[in-house]
């Protein structure tokens, strides 16, 4: 596994070792020992999630203020523009973001530690998004930051997502401004 550093040291891009030939390909999408050796992290993943989104769907920016979740995310069909925002008040990177393209083609994964908001925009006709979490989903503690908050200045590639993008859930359309959002101490 190849680990690529990002502008926020705790957020990591992971490239698995892919074995391919004329028949197709094979790779280990997760191996606890390889993950630990490559990242130095030993984590209790407790939940796997799978979502499918149409072109132009934007999900996020989500986080849980209690029971914060670390997420290991990847795309198995299509392509997304993925974003992690540091919500750890007092961290030198508080309010900073990492933006990365994840696709079935590049097979990259992104490690997003607890204490970050997360979101993605679907750039292909559809995308299937898989992620492992380090804590369980807790609806009562889920929060959302407005996707287009000017303070964050996320470079969403809306033109690539198609006319009318983004398509938001009511919860995401009503997300909090970054300045008003609950964050981690």
N, C-alpha and C. Protein backbone atom coordinates (compact mmCIF):
# COMPACT_ATOMS: atom_id res chain seq x y z
N UNK A 1 0.85 -1.18 0.00
CA UNK A 1 0.00 0.00 0.00
C UNK A 1 0.89 1.23 0.00
N UNK A 2 0.54 2.16 -0.87
CA UNK A 2 1.26 3.43 -0.94
C UNK A 2 0.45 4.48 -0.18
N UNK A 3 1.10 5.20 0.73
CA UNK A 3 0.44 6.25 1.51
C UNK A 3 0.92 7.60 0.99
N UNK A 4 -0.04 8.46 0.65
CA UNK A 4 0.27 9.79 0.12
C UNK A 4 -0.15 10.82 1.15
N UNK A 5 0.77 11.66 1.57
CA UNK A 5 0.49 12.71 2.54
C UNK A 5 -0.39 13.79 1.89
N UNK A 6 -1.18 14.45 2.70
CA UNK A 6 -2.00 15.57 2.24
C UNK A 6 -1.59 16.82 3.02
N UNK A 7 -2.24 17.93 2.72
CA UNK A 7 -1.96 19.19 3.42
C UNK A 7 -2.29 19.11 4.91
N UNK A 8 -3.14 18.16 5.29
CA UNK A 8 -3.44 17.92 6.70
C UNK A 8 -2.83 16.57 7.03
N UNK A 9 -1.78 16.54 7.87
CA UNK A 9 -1.02 15.30 8.07
C UNK A 9 -1.84 14.08 8.48
N UNK A 10 -2.94 14.26 9.21
CA UNK A 10 -3.73 13.12 9.67
C UNK A 10 -4.64 12.54 8.59
N UNK A 11 -4.90 13.30 7.52
CA UNK A 11 -5.73 12.82 6.41
C UNK A 11 -4.79 12.20 5.38
N UNK A 12 -5.06 10.95 5.01
CA UNK A 12 -4.15 10.20 4.15
C UNK A 12 -4.86 9.66 2.91
N UNK A 13 -4.17 9.74 1.78
CA UNK A 13 -4.62 9.07 0.56
C UNK A 13 -3.89 7.73 0.52
N UNK A 14 -4.65 6.67 0.28
CA UNK A 14 -4.09 5.33 0.26
C UNK A 14 -4.29 4.72 -1.12
N UNK A 15 -3.21 4.19 -1.67
CA UNK A 15 -3.28 3.50 -2.96
C UNK A 15 -2.93 2.04 -2.74
N UNK A 16 -3.91 1.15 -2.98
CA UNK A 16 -3.63 -0.27 -2.78
C UNK A 16 -2.73 -0.81 -3.89
N UNK A 17 -2.11 -1.92 -3.61
CA UNK A 17 -1.32 -2.62 -4.62
C UNK A 17 -2.30 -3.44 -5.46
N UNK A 18 -2.36 -3.12 -6.75
CA UNK A 18 -3.33 -3.74 -7.65
C UNK A 18 -2.61 -4.73 -8.56
N UNK A 19 -3.16 -5.93 -8.65
CA UNK A 19 -2.63 -6.96 -9.54
C UNK A 19 -3.61 -7.09 -10.70
N UNK A 20 -3.16 -6.81 -11.91
CA UNK A 20 -4.06 -6.87 -13.05
C UNK A 20 -3.44 -7.54 -14.25
N UNK A 21 -4.29 -8.10 -15.08
CA UNK A 21 -3.88 -8.68 -16.36
C UNK A 21 -5.09 -8.66 -17.28
N UNK A 22 -5.03 -9.40 -18.36
CA UNK A 22 -6.12 -9.38 -19.35
C UNK A 22 -7.45 -9.86 -18.77
N UNK A 23 -7.42 -10.61 -17.69
CA UNK A 23 -8.65 -11.12 -17.07
C UNK A 23 -9.36 -10.07 -16.23
N UNK A 24 -8.61 -9.07 -15.75
CA UNK A 24 -9.18 -8.07 -14.84
C UNK A 24 -8.15 -7.69 -13.79
N UNK A 25 -8.59 -7.48 -12.55
CA UNK A 25 -7.67 -7.08 -11.49
C UNK A 25 -8.10 -7.68 -10.16
N UNK A 26 -7.17 -7.61 -9.21
CA UNK A 26 -7.42 -8.01 -7.82
C UNK A 26 -6.63 -7.07 -6.93
N UNK A 27 -7.24 -6.66 -5.81
CA UNK A 27 -6.49 -5.97 -4.77
C UNK A 27 -7.21 -6.15 -3.44
N UNK A 28 -6.44 -6.07 -2.36
CA UNK A 28 -7.03 -6.09 -1.03
C UNK A 28 -7.52 -4.69 -0.73
N UNK A 29 -8.81 -4.52 -0.59
CA UNK A 29 -9.34 -3.19 -0.28
C UNK A 29 -9.09 -2.83 1.18
N UNK A 30 -8.99 -3.84 2.03
CA UNK A 30 -8.64 -3.58 3.42
C UNK A 30 -7.99 -4.81 4.01
N UNK A 31 -6.84 -4.60 4.62
CA UNK A 31 -6.13 -5.62 5.37
C UNK A 31 -5.63 -4.91 6.61
N UNK A 32 -6.12 -5.30 7.76
CA UNK A 32 -5.81 -4.58 9.01
C UNK A 32 -4.31 -4.48 9.26
N UNK A 33 -3.57 -5.54 9.04
CA UNK A 33 -2.13 -5.52 9.28
C UNK A 33 -1.42 -4.57 8.31
N UNK A 34 -1.75 -4.65 7.02
CA UNK A 34 -1.12 -3.77 6.02
C UNK A 34 -1.48 -2.31 6.31
N UNK A 35 -2.75 -2.04 6.65
CA UNK A 35 -3.19 -0.69 6.99
C UNK A 35 -2.39 -0.16 8.18
N UNK A 36 -2.26 -0.96 9.23
CA UNK A 36 -1.53 -0.55 10.44
C UNK A 36 -0.06 -0.28 10.12
N UNK A 37 0.56 -1.17 9.35
CA UNK A 37 1.98 -0.99 9.03
C UNK A 37 2.21 0.23 8.14
N UNK A 38 1.29 0.49 7.22
CA UNK A 38 1.45 1.61 6.29
C UNK A 38 1.15 2.96 6.94
N UNK A 39 0.18 2.99 7.87
CA UNK A 39 -0.28 4.26 8.43
C UNK A 39 0.12 4.48 9.88
N UNK A 40 0.48 3.41 10.58
CA UNK A 40 0.75 3.51 12.01
C UNK A 40 -0.52 3.54 12.85
N UNK A 41 -1.67 3.31 12.22
CA UNK A 41 -2.96 3.38 12.91
C UNK A 41 -3.53 1.99 13.14
N UNK A 42 -4.01 1.76 14.35
CA UNK A 42 -4.71 0.52 14.67
C UNK A 42 -6.12 0.93 15.09
N UNK A 43 -7.11 0.63 14.25
CA UNK A 43 -8.44 1.18 14.44
C UNK A 43 -9.50 0.10 14.53
N UNK A 44 -10.52 0.36 15.34
CA UNK A 44 -11.64 -0.60 15.43
C UNK A 44 -12.75 -0.21 14.46
N UNK A 45 -12.68 -0.65 13.22
CA UNK A 45 -13.78 -0.37 12.30
C UNK A 45 -14.99 -1.18 12.73
N UNK A 46 -16.15 -0.50 12.89
CA UNK A 46 -17.33 -1.15 13.45
C UNK A 46 -18.52 -1.18 12.50
N UNK A 47 -18.44 -0.43 11.40
CA UNK A 47 -19.59 -0.34 10.50
C UNK A 47 -19.10 -0.11 9.08
N UNK A 48 -19.71 -0.80 8.12
CA UNK A 48 -19.45 -0.57 6.69
C UNK A 48 -20.71 0.01 6.08
N UNK A 49 -20.56 1.05 5.24
CA UNK A 49 -21.68 1.70 4.59
C UNK A 49 -21.47 1.71 3.08
N UNK A 50 -22.57 1.73 2.34
CA UNK A 50 -22.52 1.72 0.88
C UNK A 50 -23.62 2.66 0.40
N UNK A 51 -23.24 3.66 -0.39
CA UNK A 51 -24.25 4.56 -0.96
C UNK A 51 -24.09 4.61 -2.47
N UNK A 52 -25.18 4.90 -3.14
CA UNK A 52 -25.17 5.10 -4.58
C UNK A 52 -25.78 6.47 -4.83
N UNK A 53 -25.13 7.26 -5.67
CA UNK A 53 -25.59 8.60 -5.95
C UNK A 53 -25.54 8.87 -7.45
N UNK A 54 -26.50 9.65 -7.93
CA UNK A 54 -26.54 10.06 -9.33
C UNK A 54 -25.61 11.25 -9.55
N UNK A 55 -25.30 11.52 -10.81
CA UNK A 55 -24.46 12.68 -11.17
C UNK A 55 -25.04 13.94 -10.53
N UNK A 56 -24.16 14.74 -9.97
CA UNK A 56 -24.55 16.03 -9.39
C UNK A 56 -25.01 15.98 -7.95
N UNK A 57 -25.16 14.78 -7.38
CA UNK A 57 -25.57 14.68 -5.98
C UNK A 57 -24.38 15.06 -5.11
N UNK A 58 -24.64 15.94 -4.15
CA UNK A 58 -23.63 16.34 -3.18
C UNK A 58 -24.13 15.90 -1.81
N UNK A 59 -23.33 15.11 -1.13
CA UNK A 59 -23.65 14.64 0.22
C UNK A 59 -22.65 15.26 1.18
N UNK A 60 -23.16 15.97 2.19
CA UNK A 60 -22.26 16.55 3.17
C UNK A 60 -22.46 18.04 3.31
N UNK A 61 -21.71 18.55 4.14
CA UNK A 61 -20.54 18.09 4.87
C UNK A 61 -21.02 17.52 6.22
N UNK A 62 -20.85 16.23 6.45
CA UNK A 62 -21.41 15.54 7.61
C UNK A 62 -20.36 15.23 8.66
N UNK A 63 -20.82 15.22 9.91
CA UNK A 63 -19.99 14.76 11.03
C UNK A 63 -20.90 14.48 12.20
N UNK A 64 -20.37 13.81 13.20
CA UNK A 64 -21.10 13.55 14.45
C UNK A 64 -20.36 14.25 15.57
N UNK A 65 -21.05 15.14 16.27
CA UNK A 65 -20.41 15.92 17.34
C UNK A 65 -20.11 15.04 18.56
N UNK A 66 -20.93 14.01 18.78
CA UNK A 66 -20.67 12.98 19.78
C UNK A 66 -20.51 11.69 18.99
N UNK A 67 -19.67 10.78 19.48
CA UNK A 67 -19.35 9.57 18.73
C UNK A 67 -18.74 9.92 17.36
N UNK A 68 -17.72 10.77 17.34
CA UNK A 68 -17.12 11.13 16.05
C UNK A 68 -16.60 9.89 15.34
N UNK A 69 -16.78 9.88 14.04
CA UNK A 69 -16.39 8.73 13.22
C UNK A 69 -15.15 9.01 12.40
N UNK A 70 -14.18 8.12 12.48
CA UNK A 70 -13.14 8.08 11.49
C UNK A 70 -13.70 7.32 10.30
N UNK A 71 -13.32 7.69 9.09
CA UNK A 71 -13.87 7.04 7.90
C UNK A 71 -12.75 6.67 6.93
N UNK A 72 -12.82 5.45 6.44
CA UNK A 72 -11.96 5.01 5.35
C UNK A 72 -12.88 4.87 4.14
N UNK A 73 -12.75 5.78 3.17
CA UNK A 73 -13.72 5.89 2.08
C UNK A 73 -13.09 5.51 0.75
N UNK A 74 -13.94 4.97 -0.16
CA UNK A 74 -13.49 4.63 -1.50
C UNK A 74 -14.68 4.54 -2.44
N UNK A 75 -14.41 4.58 -3.72
CA UNK A 75 -15.44 4.50 -4.76
C UNK A 75 -15.23 3.20 -5.53
N UNK A 76 -16.31 2.42 -5.72
CA UNK A 76 -16.21 1.17 -6.47
C UNK A 76 -16.86 1.25 -7.84
N UNK A 77 -17.61 2.32 -8.10
CA UNK A 77 -18.18 2.57 -9.43
C UNK A 77 -18.28 4.08 -9.59
N UNK A 78 -17.76 4.61 -10.69
CA UNK A 78 -17.86 6.04 -10.95
C UNK A 78 -16.73 6.85 -10.35
N UNK A 79 -17.03 8.16 -10.14
CA UNK A 79 -16.02 9.10 -9.65
C UNK A 79 -16.70 10.16 -8.79
N UNK A 80 -16.01 10.54 -7.71
CA UNK A 80 -16.49 11.62 -6.85
C UNK A 80 -15.35 12.59 -6.56
N UNK A 81 -15.75 13.80 -6.18
CA UNK A 81 -14.84 14.81 -5.64
C UNK A 81 -15.10 14.78 -4.15
N UNK A 82 -14.10 14.38 -3.37
CA UNK A 82 -14.26 14.11 -1.95
C UNK A 82 -13.57 15.20 -1.12
N UNK A 83 -14.19 15.58 0.00
CA UNK A 83 -13.67 16.67 0.82
C UNK A 83 -13.71 16.29 2.30
N UNK A 84 -12.63 16.61 3.01
CA UNK A 84 -12.56 16.47 4.46
C UNK A 84 -12.18 17.84 5.04
N UNK A 85 -12.93 18.29 6.06
CA UNK A 85 -12.68 19.59 6.68
C UNK A 85 -12.36 19.38 8.16
N UNK A 86 -11.26 19.95 8.60
CA UNK A 86 -10.82 19.82 9.99
C UNK A 86 -11.69 20.67 10.92
N UNK A 87 -12.36 20.02 11.87
CA UNK A 87 -13.23 20.71 12.83
C UNK A 87 -12.66 20.65 14.24
N UNK A 88 -11.39 20.36 14.38
CA UNK A 88 -10.75 20.26 15.70
C UNK A 88 -10.21 21.62 16.11
N UNK A 89 -11.02 22.34 16.90
CA UNK A 89 -10.61 23.67 17.37
C UNK A 89 -9.28 23.52 18.11
N UNK A 90 -8.35 24.36 17.83
CA UNK A 90 -7.04 24.29 18.46
C UNK A 90 -6.01 23.57 17.61
N UNK A 91 -6.46 22.80 16.63
CA UNK A 91 -5.52 22.14 15.71
C UNK A 91 -4.96 23.20 14.76
N UNK A 92 -3.70 23.08 14.37
CA UNK A 92 -3.12 24.06 13.45
C UNK A 92 -3.82 24.09 12.09
N UNK A 93 -4.55 23.04 11.78
CA UNK A 93 -5.25 22.97 10.49
C UNK A 93 -6.76 23.14 10.65
N UNK A 94 -7.20 23.68 11.78
CA UNK A 94 -8.64 23.91 12.01
C UNK A 94 -9.22 24.75 10.86
N UNK A 95 -10.31 24.27 10.26
CA UNK A 95 -10.95 24.98 9.16
C UNK A 95 -10.32 24.73 7.80
N UNK A 96 -9.20 23.99 7.78
CA UNK A 96 -8.56 23.66 6.49
C UNK A 96 -9.24 22.43 5.92
N UNK A 97 -8.98 22.19 4.65
CA UNK A 97 -9.64 21.08 3.96
C UNK A 97 -8.66 20.32 3.09
N UNK A 98 -9.06 19.08 2.79
CA UNK A 98 -8.38 18.24 1.80
C UNK A 98 -9.43 17.92 0.75
N UNK A 99 -9.06 18.10 -0.52
CA UNK A 99 -9.95 17.81 -1.65
C UNK A 99 -9.24 16.79 -2.53
N UNK A 100 -9.93 15.72 -2.88
CA UNK A 100 -9.31 14.66 -3.67
C UNK A 100 -10.37 13.96 -4.53
N UNK A 101 -9.96 13.51 -5.70
CA UNK A 101 -10.85 12.72 -6.56
C UNK A 101 -10.64 11.25 -6.25
N UNK A 102 -11.74 10.58 -6.02
CA UNK A 102 -11.73 9.13 -5.80
C UNK A 102 -12.56 8.51 -6.90
N UNK A 103 -12.06 7.41 -7.46
CA UNK A 103 -12.81 6.76 -8.54
C UNK A 103 -12.56 5.26 -8.54
N UNK A 104 -13.44 4.57 -9.24
CA UNK A 104 -13.24 3.13 -9.43
C UNK A 104 -11.96 2.91 -10.22
N UNK A 105 -11.64 3.83 -11.10
CA UNK A 105 -10.44 3.69 -11.93
C UNK A 105 -9.16 3.87 -11.12
N UNK A 106 -9.06 4.92 -10.28
CA UNK A 106 -7.81 5.15 -9.56
C UNK A 106 -7.70 4.30 -8.28
N UNK A 107 -8.81 3.75 -7.82
CA UNK A 107 -8.84 2.83 -6.67
C UNK A 107 -8.27 3.43 -5.39
N UNK A 108 -8.13 4.74 -5.35
CA UNK A 108 -7.63 5.40 -4.15
C UNK A 108 -8.66 5.36 -3.03
N UNK A 109 -8.15 5.36 -1.81
CA UNK A 109 -8.98 5.46 -0.61
C UNK A 109 -8.52 6.70 0.14
N UNK A 110 -9.40 7.22 0.97
CA UNK A 110 -9.05 8.37 1.79
C UNK A 110 -9.35 8.03 3.24
N UNK A 111 -8.36 8.24 4.11
CA UNK A 111 -8.55 8.09 5.55
C UNK A 111 -8.88 9.47 6.12
N UNK A 112 -10.05 9.57 6.75
CA UNK A 112 -10.51 10.81 7.36
C UNK A 112 -10.67 10.54 8.85
N UNK A 113 -9.83 11.12 9.70
CA UNK A 113 -9.90 10.80 11.13
C UNK A 113 -11.13 11.40 11.81
N UNK A 114 -11.45 10.92 13.01
CA UNK A 114 -12.51 11.57 13.80
C UNK A 114 -12.15 13.05 13.98
N UNK A 115 -13.17 13.89 14.02
CA UNK A 115 -12.93 15.32 14.19
C UNK A 115 -13.00 16.10 12.90
N UNK A 116 -13.42 15.44 11.82
CA UNK A 116 -13.50 16.07 10.51
C UNK A 116 -14.92 15.96 9.97
N UNK A 117 -15.34 16.98 9.21
CA UNK A 117 -16.57 16.89 8.42
C UNK A 117 -16.19 16.28 7.09
N UNK A 118 -17.15 15.59 6.46
CA UNK A 118 -16.87 14.90 5.22
C UNK A 118 -18.02 15.09 4.24
N UNK A 119 -17.68 15.21 2.96
CA UNK A 119 -18.70 15.29 1.92
C UNK A 119 -18.12 14.91 0.58
N UNK A 120 -19.02 14.65 -0.38
CA UNK A 120 -18.56 14.36 -1.73
C UNK A 120 -19.60 14.76 -2.75
N UNK A 121 -19.11 15.03 -3.97
CA UNK A 121 -19.93 15.39 -5.12
C UNK A 121 -19.72 14.33 -6.19
N UNK A 122 -20.82 13.77 -6.72
CA UNK A 122 -20.73 12.74 -7.75
C UNK A 122 -20.49 13.38 -9.12
N UNK A 123 -19.41 12.95 -9.79
CA UNK A 123 -19.00 13.51 -11.07
C UNK A 123 -19.38 12.62 -12.26
N UNK A 124 -19.66 11.36 -12.01
CA UNK A 124 -20.00 10.41 -13.08
C UNK A 124 -21.51 10.20 -13.10
N UNK A 125 -22.00 9.44 -14.08
CA UNK A 125 -23.45 9.18 -14.18
C UNK A 125 -24.02 8.68 -12.86
N UNK A 126 -23.26 7.86 -12.19
CA UNK A 126 -23.58 7.44 -10.84
C UNK A 126 -22.26 7.06 -10.17
N UNK A 127 -22.29 6.99 -8.85
CA UNK A 127 -21.12 6.55 -8.11
C UNK A 127 -21.58 5.68 -6.96
N UNK A 128 -20.83 4.62 -6.73
CA UNK A 128 -21.06 3.78 -5.56
C UNK A 128 -19.89 4.01 -4.63
N UNK A 129 -20.25 4.40 -3.42
CA UNK A 129 -19.30 4.90 -2.42
C UNK A 129 -19.36 3.96 -1.22
N UNK A 130 -18.21 3.42 -0.83
CA UNK A 130 -18.13 2.53 0.32
C UNK A 130 -17.27 3.17 1.39
N UNK A 131 -17.67 3.00 2.65
CA UNK A 131 -16.81 3.48 3.71
C UNK A 131 -16.97 2.70 4.99
N UNK A 132 -15.84 2.55 5.66
CA UNK A 132 -15.77 1.92 6.96
C UNK A 132 -15.73 3.03 8.00
N UNK A 133 -16.37 2.81 9.16
CA UNK A 133 -16.35 3.83 10.21
C UNK A 133 -15.84 3.25 11.52
N UNK A 134 -15.27 4.13 12.34
CA UNK A 134 -14.72 3.72 13.62
C UNK A 134 -15.72 3.84 14.77
N UNK A 135 -16.89 4.38 14.49
CA UNK A 135 -17.96 4.42 15.48
C UNK A 135 -19.29 4.31 14.74
N UNK A 136 -20.33 4.01 15.49
CA UNK A 136 -21.64 3.77 14.89
C UNK A 136 -22.33 5.09 14.54
N UNK A 137 -23.22 5.02 13.55
CA UNK A 137 -24.02 6.17 13.19
C UNK A 137 -24.94 6.50 14.35
N UNK A 138 -25.03 7.78 14.67
CA UNK A 138 -25.87 8.25 15.77
C UNK A 138 -26.64 9.47 15.28
N UNK A 139 -27.86 9.26 14.83
CA UNK A 139 -28.67 10.32 14.21
C UNK A 139 -28.78 11.55 15.10
N UNK A 140 -28.91 11.36 16.40
CA UNK A 140 -29.09 12.49 17.32
C UNK A 140 -27.86 13.40 17.35
N UNK A 141 -26.71 12.88 16.98
CA UNK A 141 -25.47 13.65 17.06
C UNK A 141 -24.94 14.08 15.69
N UNK A 142 -25.68 13.72 14.63
CA UNK A 142 -25.23 14.08 13.29
C UNK A 142 -25.43 15.57 13.04
N UNK A 143 -24.43 16.18 12.41
CA UNK A 143 -24.48 17.59 12.06
C UNK A 143 -24.09 17.74 10.60
N UNK A 144 -24.44 18.91 10.03
CA UNK A 144 -24.10 19.20 8.64
C UNK A 144 -23.68 20.66 8.52
N UNK A 145 -22.58 20.87 7.83
CA UNK A 145 -22.11 22.22 7.52
C UNK A 145 -22.48 22.50 6.07
N UNK A 146 -22.90 23.71 5.80
CA UNK A 146 -23.31 24.10 4.46
C UNK A 146 -22.18 23.88 3.46
N UNK A 147 -22.48 23.18 2.40
CA UNK A 147 -21.50 22.76 1.40
C UNK A 147 -20.78 23.93 0.74
N UNK A 148 -21.45 25.07 0.61
CA UNK A 148 -20.86 26.21 -0.09
C UNK A 148 -20.51 27.36 0.84
N UNK A 149 -20.20 27.05 2.08
CA UNK A 149 -19.82 28.08 3.04
C UNK A 149 -18.61 28.85 2.49
N UNK A 150 -18.72 30.18 2.39
CA UNK A 150 -17.62 30.96 1.78
C UNK A 150 -16.33 30.91 2.60
N UNK A 151 -16.41 30.70 3.90
CA UNK A 151 -15.20 30.61 4.71
C UNK A 151 -14.35 29.41 4.30
N UNK A 152 -15.02 28.30 3.97
CA UNK A 152 -14.29 27.09 3.59
C UNK A 152 -13.78 27.16 2.15
N UNK A 153 -14.50 27.85 1.27
CA UNK A 153 -14.09 28.03 -0.13
C UNK A 153 -13.68 26.71 -0.79
N UNK A 154 -14.54 25.72 -0.68
CA UNK A 154 -14.27 24.43 -1.31
C UNK A 154 -14.41 24.57 -2.82
N UNK A 155 -13.50 23.98 -3.55
CA UNK A 155 -13.47 24.09 -5.00
C UNK A 155 -14.31 23.03 -5.70
N UNK A 156 -15.58 22.90 -5.31
CA UNK A 156 -16.46 21.89 -5.92
C UNK A 156 -16.47 22.06 -7.44
N UNK A 157 -16.18 21.02 -8.22
CA UNK A 157 -16.20 21.12 -9.68
C UNK A 157 -17.64 20.95 -10.21
N UNK A 158 -18.48 21.93 -9.95
CA UNK A 158 -19.91 21.83 -10.28
C UNK A 158 -20.15 21.67 -11.77
N UNK A 159 -19.34 22.30 -12.61
CA UNK A 159 -19.53 22.18 -14.06
C UNK A 159 -19.37 20.73 -14.52
N UNK A 160 -18.47 20.00 -13.88
CA UNK A 160 -18.27 18.59 -14.23
C UNK A 160 -19.42 17.72 -13.75
N UNK A 161 -20.16 18.20 -12.75
CA UNK A 161 -21.25 17.42 -12.16
C UNK A 161 -22.54 17.56 -12.95
N UNK A 162 -22.57 18.46 -13.92
CA UNK A 162 -23.73 18.58 -14.78
C UNK A 162 -24.63 19.76 -14.45
N UNK A 163 -25.56 20.06 -15.37
CA UNK A 163 -26.47 21.18 -15.18
C UNK A 163 -27.32 20.99 -13.92
N UNK A 164 -27.53 22.07 -13.21
CA UNK A 164 -28.37 22.01 -12.01
C UNK A 164 -27.67 21.49 -10.78
N UNK A 165 -26.40 21.11 -10.90
CA UNK A 165 -25.68 20.58 -9.73
C UNK A 165 -25.43 21.72 -8.75
N UNK A 166 -25.48 21.47 -7.48
CA UNK A 166 -25.63 20.16 -6.89
C UNK A 166 -27.09 19.83 -6.51
N UNK A 167 -27.36 18.55 -6.39
CA UNK A 167 -28.62 18.07 -5.84
C UNK A 167 -28.35 17.73 -4.38
N UNK A 168 -29.12 18.37 -3.49
CA UNK A 168 -28.90 18.24 -2.05
C UNK A 168 -30.11 17.62 -1.35
N UNK A 169 -29.87 16.97 -0.24
CA UNK A 169 -30.96 16.55 0.63
C UNK A 169 -31.44 17.79 1.39
N UNK A 170 -32.66 17.78 1.92
CA UNK A 170 -33.11 18.92 2.72
C UNK A 170 -32.18 19.20 3.90
N UNK A 171 -31.67 18.15 4.52
CA UNK A 171 -30.75 18.32 5.66
C UNK A 171 -29.49 19.06 5.24
N UNK A 172 -28.94 18.68 4.09
CA UNK A 172 -27.70 19.33 3.63
C UNK A 172 -27.95 20.75 3.15
N UNK A 173 -29.11 21.00 2.55
CA UNK A 173 -29.45 22.36 2.10
C UNK A 173 -29.59 23.30 3.29
N UNK A 174 -29.94 22.75 4.45
CA UNK A 174 -30.11 23.56 5.67
C UNK A 174 -28.90 23.48 6.59
N UNK A 175 -27.75 23.06 6.07
CA UNK A 175 -26.54 22.94 6.89
C UNK A 175 -26.16 24.26 7.55
N UNK A 176 -25.43 24.16 8.64
CA UNK A 176 -24.99 25.34 9.40
C UNK A 176 -23.83 26.03 8.68
N UNK A 177 -23.74 27.32 8.89
CA UNK A 177 -22.55 28.04 8.44
C UNK A 177 -21.37 27.54 9.26
N UNK A 178 -20.20 27.53 8.67
CA UNK A 178 -19.00 27.08 9.41
C UNK A 178 -18.82 27.86 10.70
N UNK A 179 -19.02 29.17 10.66
CA UNK A 179 -18.83 30.01 11.84
C UNK A 179 -19.78 29.65 12.98
N UNK A 180 -20.93 29.06 12.65
CA UNK A 180 -21.94 28.71 13.65
C UNK A 180 -21.94 27.23 14.00
N UNK A 181 -21.14 26.44 13.35
CA UNK A 181 -21.18 24.99 13.53
C UNK A 181 -20.57 24.58 14.86
N UNK A 182 -21.13 23.52 15.44
CA UNK A 182 -20.52 22.90 16.60
C UNK A 182 -19.23 22.24 16.12
N UNK A 183 -18.16 22.40 16.87
CA UNK A 183 -16.89 21.80 16.49
C UNK A 183 -16.32 21.06 17.70
N UNK A 184 -15.22 20.39 17.49
CA UNK A 184 -14.59 19.59 18.54
C UNK A 184 -13.60 20.45 19.32
N UNK A 185 -13.59 20.28 20.63
CA UNK A 185 -12.67 21.05 21.50
C UNK A 185 -11.27 20.50 21.43
